[in-house]
PDB file of N, CA and C in Angstrom:
ATOM      1  N   MET A   1     -33.548 -34.893 -31.539  1.00  0.00           N
ATOM      2  CA  MET A   1     -33.090 -34.526 -30.209  1.00  0.00           C
ATOM      3  C   MET A   1     -31.855 -33.630 -30.335  1.00  0.00           C
ATOM      4  N   GLU A   2     -31.849 -32.555 -29.586  1.00  0.00           N
ATOM      5  CA  GLU A   2     -30.748 -31.589 -29.657  1.00  0.00           C
ATOM      6  C   GLU A   2     -29.664 -31.943 -28.640  1.00  0.00           C
ATOM      7  N   VAL A   3     -28.415 -31.910 -29.097  1.00  0.00           N
ATOM      8  CA  VAL A   3     -27.286 -32.208 -28.218  1.00  0.00           C
ATOM      9  C   VAL A   3     -26.900 -30.932 -27.488  1.00  0.00           C
ATOM     10  N   LYS A   4     -26.743 -31.026 -26.181  1.00  0.00           N
ATOM     11  CA  LYS A   4     -26.378 -29.860 -25.379  1.00  0.00           C
ATOM     12  C   LYS A   4     -24.883 -29.899 -25.096  1.00  0.00           C
ATOM     13  N   PHE A   5     -24.226 -28.761 -25.302  1.00  0.00           N
ATOM     14  CA  PHE A   5     -22.776 -28.697 -25.157  1.00  0.00           C
ATOM     15  C   PHE A   5     -22.327 -28.062 -23.841  1.00  0.00           C
ATOM     16  N   ALA A   6     -23.246 -27.552 -23.069  1.00  0.00           N
ATOM     17  CA  ALA A   6     -22.949 -26.992 -21.742  1.00  0.00           C
ATOM     18  C   ALA A   6     -21.846 -25.932 -21.784  1.00  0.00           C
ATOM     19  N   PHE A   7     -22.012 -24.950 -22.647  1.00  0.00           N
ATOM     20  CA  PHE A   7     -21.103 -23.804 -22.761  1.00  0.00           C
ATOM     21  C   PHE A   7     -19.687 -24.187 -23.173  1.00  0.00           C
ATOM     22  N   ALA A   8     -19.507 -25.321 -23.804  1.00  0.00           N
ATOM     23  CA  ALA A   8     -18.192 -25.724 -24.282  1.00  0.00           C
ATOM     24  C   ALA A   8     -18.038 -25.463 -25.775  1.00  0.00           C
ATOM     25  N   HIS A   9     -19.132 -25.069 -26.436  1.00  0.00           N
ATOM     26  CA  HIS A   9     -19.110 -24.794 -27.867  1.00  0.00           C
ATOM     27  C   HIS A   9     -19.837 -23.483 -28.136  1.00  0.00           C
ATOM     28  N   CYS A  10     -19.475 -22.837 -29.226  1.00  0.00           N
ATOM     29  CA  CYS A  10     -20.156 -21.628 -29.663  1.00  0.00           C
ATOM     30  C   CYS A  10     -21.576 -22.003 -30.093  1.00  0.00           C
ATOM     31  N   THR A  11     -22.554 -21.186 -29.711  1.00  0.00           N
ATOM     32  CA  THR A  11     -23.942 -21.511 -30.040  1.00  0.00           C
ATOM     33  C   THR A  11     -24.258 -21.291 -31.510  1.00  0.00           C
ATOM     34  N   GLU A  12     -23.477 -20.469 -32.197  1.00  0.00           N
ATOM     35  CA  GLU A  12     -23.767 -20.191 -33.605  1.00  0.00           C
ATOM     36  C   GLU A  12     -23.012 -21.114 -34.546  1.00  0.00           C
ATOM     37  N   CYS A  13     -21.715 -21.266 -34.333  1.00  0.00           N
ATOM     38  CA  CYS A  13     -20.914 -22.037 -35.291  1.00  0.00           C
ATOM     39  C   CYS A  13     -20.458 -23.387 -34.742  1.00  0.00           C
ATOM     40  N   ARG A  14     -20.796 -23.697 -33.509  1.00  0.00           N
ATOM     41  CA  ARG A  14     -20.436 -24.966 -32.858  1.00  0.00           C
ATOM     42  C   ARG A  14     -18.923 -25.178 -32.724  1.00  0.00           C
ATOM     43  N   ALA A  15     -18.159 -24.100 -32.755  1.00  0.00           N
ATOM     44  CA  ALA A  15     -16.711 -24.209 -32.556  1.00  0.00           C
ATOM     45  C   ALA A  15     -16.440 -24.526 -31.082  1.00  0.00           C
ATOM     46  N   VAL A  16     -15.460 -25.356 -30.866  1.00  0.00           N
ATOM     47  CA  VAL A  16     -15.132 -25.775 -29.500  1.00  0.00           C
ATOM     48  C   VAL A  16     -14.346 -24.667 -28.806  1.00  0.00           C
ATOM     49  N   PHE A  17     -14.796 -24.286 -27.617  1.00  0.00           N
ATOM     50  CA  PHE A  17     -14.050 -23.342 -26.807  1.00  0.00           C
ATOM     51  C   PHE A  17     -12.888 -24.074 -26.146  1.00  0.00           C
ATOM     52  N   ILE A  18     -11.757 -23.384 -26.027  1.00  0.00           N
ATOM     53  CA  ILE A  18     -10.617 -23.936 -25.296  1.00  0.00           C
ATOM     54  C   ILE A  18     -10.696 -23.375 -23.883  1.00  0.00           C
ATOM     55  N   LEU A  19     -11.072 -24.219 -22.950  1.00  0.00           N
ATOM     56  CA  LEU A  19     -11.284 -23.793 -21.579  1.00  0.00           C
ATOM     57  C   LEU A  19     -10.044 -24.087 -20.752  1.00  0.00           C
ATOM     58  N   ARG A  20      -9.547 -23.059 -20.082  1.00  0.00           N
ATOM     59  CA  ARG A  20      -8.380 -23.219 -19.216  1.00  0.00           C
ATOM     60  C   ARG A  20      -8.685 -22.590 -17.865  1.00  0.00           C
ATOM     61  N   ALA A  21      -8.236 -23.229 -16.824  1.00  0.00           N
ATOM     62  CA  ALA A  21      -8.408 -22.675 -15.484  1.00  0.00           C
ATOM     63  C   ALA A  21      -7.349 -21.602 -15.251  1.00  0.00           C
ATOM     64  N   ASN A  22      -7.770 -20.504 -14.664  1.00  0.00           N
ATOM     65  CA  ASN A  22      -6.846 -19.429 -14.345  1.00  0.00           C
ATOM     66  C   ASN A  22      -6.334 -19.654 -12.922  1.00  0.00           C
ATOM     67  N   VAL A  23      -5.298 -20.454 -12.793  1.00  0.00           N
ATOM     68  CA  VAL A  23      -4.740 -20.803 -11.489  1.00  0.00           C
ATOM     69  C   VAL A  23      -3.485 -19.968 -11.264  1.00  0.00           C
ATOM     70  N   PRO A  24      -3.478 -19.145 -10.219  1.00  0.00           N
ATOM     71  CA  PRO A  24      -2.275 -18.353  -9.955  1.00  0.00           C
ATOM     72  C   PRO A  24      -1.131 -19.258  -9.508  1.00  0.00           C
ATOM     73  N   PRO A  25       0.101 -18.809  -9.681  1.00  0.00           N
ATOM     74  CA  PRO A  25       1.240 -19.628  -9.237  1.00  0.00           C
ATOM     75  C   PRO A  25       1.196 -19.832  -7.724  1.00  0.00           C
ATOM     76  N   ASP A  26       1.639 -20.992  -7.300  1.00  0.00           N
ATOM     77  CA  ASP A  26       1.625 -21.322  -5.878  1.00  0.00           C
ATOM     78  C   ASP A  26       2.708 -20.524  -5.166  1.00  0.00           C
ATOM     79  N   ARG A  27       2.283 -19.632  -4.294  1.00  0.00           N
ATOM     80  CA  ARG A  27       3.227 -18.813  -3.537  1.00  0.00           C
ATOM     81  C   ARG A  27       3.151 -19.216  -2.068  1.00  0.00           C
ATOM     82  N   TRP A  28       3.735 -20.360  -1.782  1.00  0.00           N
ATOM     83  CA  TRP A  28       3.635 -20.927  -0.442  1.00  0.00           C
ATOM     84  C   TRP A  28       4.329 -20.056   0.586  1.00  0.00           C
ATOM     85  N   TRP A  29       5.355 -19.308   0.172  1.00  0.00           N
ATOM     86  CA  TRP A  29       6.081 -18.487   1.144  1.00  0.00           C
ATOM     87  C   TRP A  29       5.224 -17.313   1.625  1.00  0.00           C
ATOM     88  N   LEU A  30       4.342 -16.803   0.765  1.00  0.00           N
ATOM     89  CA  LEU A  30       3.455 -15.730   1.217  1.00  0.00           C
ATOM     90  C   LEU A  30       2.439 -16.257   2.225  1.00  0.00           C
ATOM     91  N   ARG A  31       1.928 -17.455   1.966  1.00  0.00           N
ATOM     92  CA  ARG A  31       0.986 -18.069   2.904  1.00  0.00           C
ATOM     93  C   ARG A  31       1.682 -18.352   4.236  1.00  0.00           C
ATOM     94  N   LEU A  32       2.917 -18.839   4.184  1.00  0.00           N
ATOM     95  CA  LEU A  32       3.679 -19.118   5.405  1.00  0.00           C
ATOM     96  C   LEU A  32       3.975 -17.822   6.164  1.00  0.00           C
ATOM     97  N   LYS A  33       4.327 -16.771   5.443  1.00  0.00           N
ATOM     98  CA  LYS A  33       4.600 -15.482   6.079  1.00  0.00           C
ATOM     99  C   LYS A  33       3.351 -14.970   6.791  1.00  0.00           C
ATOM    100  N   PHE A  34       2.205 -15.078   6.134  1.00  0.00           N
ATOM    101  CA  PHE A  34       0.954 -14.643   6.743  1.00  0.00           C
ATOM    102  C   PHE A  34       0.651 -15.450   8.004  1.00  0.00           C
ATOM    103  N   GLN A  35       0.838 -16.759   7.938  1.00  0.00           N
ATOM    104  CA  GLN A  35       0.561 -17.610   9.095  1.00  0.00           C
ATOM    105  C   GLN A  35       1.495 -17.276  10.254  1.00  0.00           C
ATOM    106  N   LEU A  36       2.758 -16.988   9.958  1.00  0.00           N
ATOM    107  CA  LEU A  36       3.697 -16.622  11.020  1.00  0.00           C
ATOM    108  C   LEU A  36       3.334 -15.278  11.649  1.00  0.00           C
ATOM    109  N   LEU A  37       2.865 -14.340  10.838  1.00  0.00           N
ATOM    110  CA  LEU A  37       2.434 -13.049  11.383  1.00  0.00           C
ATOM    111  C   LEU A  37       1.209 -13.216  12.280  1.00  0.00           C
ATOM    112  N   VAL A  38       0.308 -14.089  11.899  1.00  0.00           N
ATOM    113  CA  VAL A  38      -0.874 -14.349  12.727  1.00  0.00           C
ATOM    114  C   VAL A  38      -0.459 -14.986  14.050  1.00  0.00           C
ATOM    115  N   VAL A  39       0.468 -15.940  14.005  1.00  0.00           N
ATOM    116  CA  VAL A  39       0.956 -16.576  15.236  1.00  0.00           C
ATOM    117  C   VAL A  39       1.634 -15.542  16.126  1.00  0.00           C
ATOM    118  N   ARG A  40       2.425 -14.657  15.534  1.00  0.00           N
ATOM    119  CA  ARG A  40       3.096 -13.613  16.318  1.00  0.00           C
ATOM    120  C   ARG A  40       2.083 -12.714  17.018  1.00  0.00           C
ATOM    121  N   ASP A  41       1.051 -12.304  16.280  1.00  0.00           N
ATOM    122  CA  ASP A  41       0.042 -11.422  16.860  1.00  0.00           C
ATOM    123  C   ASP A  41      -0.727 -12.114  17.988  1.00  0.00           C
ATOM    124  N   HIS A  42      -1.069 -13.375  17.795  1.00  0.00           N
ATOM    125  CA  HIS A  42      -1.781 -14.106  18.842  1.00  0.00           C
ATOM    126  C   HIS A  42      -0.908 -14.271  20.086  1.00  0.00           C
ATOM    127  N   ALA A  43       0.364 -14.554  19.886  1.00  0.00           N
ATOM    128  CA  ALA A  43       1.272 -14.703  21.023  1.00  0.00           C
ATOM    129  C   ALA A  43       1.417 -13.378  21.770  1.00  0.00           C
ATOM    130  N   LEU A  44       1.508 -12.281  21.039  1.00  0.00           N
ATOM    131  CA  LEU A  44       1.624 -10.963  21.671  1.00  0.00           C
ATOM    132  C   LEU A  44       0.376 -10.640  22.490  1.00  0.00           C
ATOM    133  N   ILE A  45      -0.783 -10.900  21.941  1.00  0.00           N
ATOM    134  CA  ILE A  45      -2.032 -10.653  22.669  1.00  0.00           C
ATOM    135  C   ILE A  45      -2.103 -11.538  23.910  1.00  0.00           C
ATOM    136  N   PHE A  46      -1.698 -12.793  23.784  1.00  0.00           N
ATOM    137  CA  PHE A  46      -1.700 -13.709  24.929  1.00  0.00           C
ATOM    138  C   PHE A  46      -0.794 -13.185  26.044  1.00  0.00           C
ATOM    139  N   VAL A  47       0.403 -12.739  25.689  1.00  0.00           N
ATOM    140  CA  VAL A  47       1.346 -12.232  26.696  1.00  0.00           C
ATOM    141  C   VAL A  47       0.792 -10.974  27.360  1.00  0.00           C
ATOM    142  N   ILE A  48       0.192 -10.085  26.591  1.00  0.00           N
ATOM    143  CA  ILE A  48      -0.380  -8.860  27.164  1.00  0.00           C
ATOM    144  C   ILE A  48      -1.505  -9.195  28.137  1.00  0.00           C
ATOM    145  N   VAL A  49      -2.372 -10.108  27.766  1.00  0.00           N
ATOM    146  CA  VAL A  49      -3.473 -10.500  28.655  1.00  0.00           C
ATOM    147  C   VAL A  49      -2.928 -11.133  29.931  1.00  0.00           C
ATOM    148  N   GLN A  50      -1.896 -11.951  29.812  1.00  0.00           N
ATOM    149  CA  GLN A  50      -1.315 -12.580  30.999  1.00  0.00           C
ATOM    150  C   GLN A  50      -0.675 -11.535  31.917  1.00  0.00           C
ATOM    151  N   LEU A  51      -0.015 -10.537  31.335  1.00  0.00           N
ATOM    152  CA  LEU A  51       0.593  -9.482  32.154  1.00  0.00           C
ATOM    153  C   LEU A  51      -0.469  -8.645  32.856  1.00  0.00           C
ATOM    154  N   VAL A  52      -1.557  -8.354  32.164  1.00  0.00           N
ATOM    155  CA  VAL A  52      -2.653  -7.600  32.786  1.00  0.00           C
ATOM    156  C   VAL A  52      -3.257  -8.412  33.924  1.00  0.00           C
ATOM    157  N   ASN A  53      -3.461  -9.703  33.714  1.00  0.00           N
ATOM    158  CA  ASN A  53      -3.991 -10.557  34.780  1.00  0.00           C
ATOM    159  C   ASN A  53      -3.034 -10.608  35.967  1.00  0.00           C
ATOM    160  N   LEU A  54      -1.752 -10.650  35.694  1.00  0.00           N
ATOM    161  CA  LEU A  54      -0.760 -10.684  36.765  1.00  0.00           C
ATOM    162  C   LEU A  54      -0.821  -9.403  37.595  1.00  0.00           C
ATOM    163  N   LYS A  55      -0.965  -8.259  36.915  1.00  0.00           N
ATOM    164  CA  LYS A  55      -1.038  -6.973  37.616  1.00  0.00           C
ATOM    165  C   LYS A  55      -2.331  -6.857  38.419  1.00  0.00           C
ATOM    166  N   LEU A  56      -3.441  -7.348  37.871  1.00  0.00           N
ATOM    167  CA  LEU A  56      -4.729  -7.213  38.548  1.00  0.00           C
ATOM    168  C   LEU A  56      -4.843  -8.120  39.767  1.00  0.00           C
ATOM    169  N   TYR A  57      -4.303  -9.310  39.663  1.00  0.00           N
ATOM    170  CA  TYR A  57      -4.497 -10.295  40.721  1.00  0.00           C
ATOM    171  C   TYR A  57      -3.243 -10.530  41.562  1.00  0.00           C
ATOM    172  N   ALA A  58      -2.255  -9.654  41.431  1.00  0.00           N
ATOM    173  CA  ALA A  58      -1.022  -9.810  42.211  1.00  0.00           C
ATOM    174  C   ALA A  58      -1.303  -9.481  43.677  1.00  0.00           C
ATOM    175  N   VAL A  59      -0.806 -10.324  44.535  1.00  0.00           N
ATOM    176  CA  VAL A  59      -0.958 -10.099  45.974  1.00  0.00           C
ATOM    177  C   VAL A  59       0.340  -9.482  46.474  1.00  0.00           C
ATOM    178  N   CYS A  60       0.248  -8.260  46.940  1.00  0.00           N
ATOM    179  CA  CYS A  60       1.449  -7.559  47.409  1.00  0.00           C
ATOM    180  C   CYS A  60       1.539  -7.584  48.912  1.00  0.00           C
TER     181      CYS A  60
END
């Protein structure tokens, strides 16, 4: 019966591969900056829509 190594060993010499995950450094401030920019844009769009509604439905 043949033992399967599931890509953890070389198929010719059976040397063990050293597998490491390529994890980028955690840059939480960039994620926070992006989220704040998204909140700003949504708030701006909300205010613009409310002002347009106010102008359209204003009773003079």
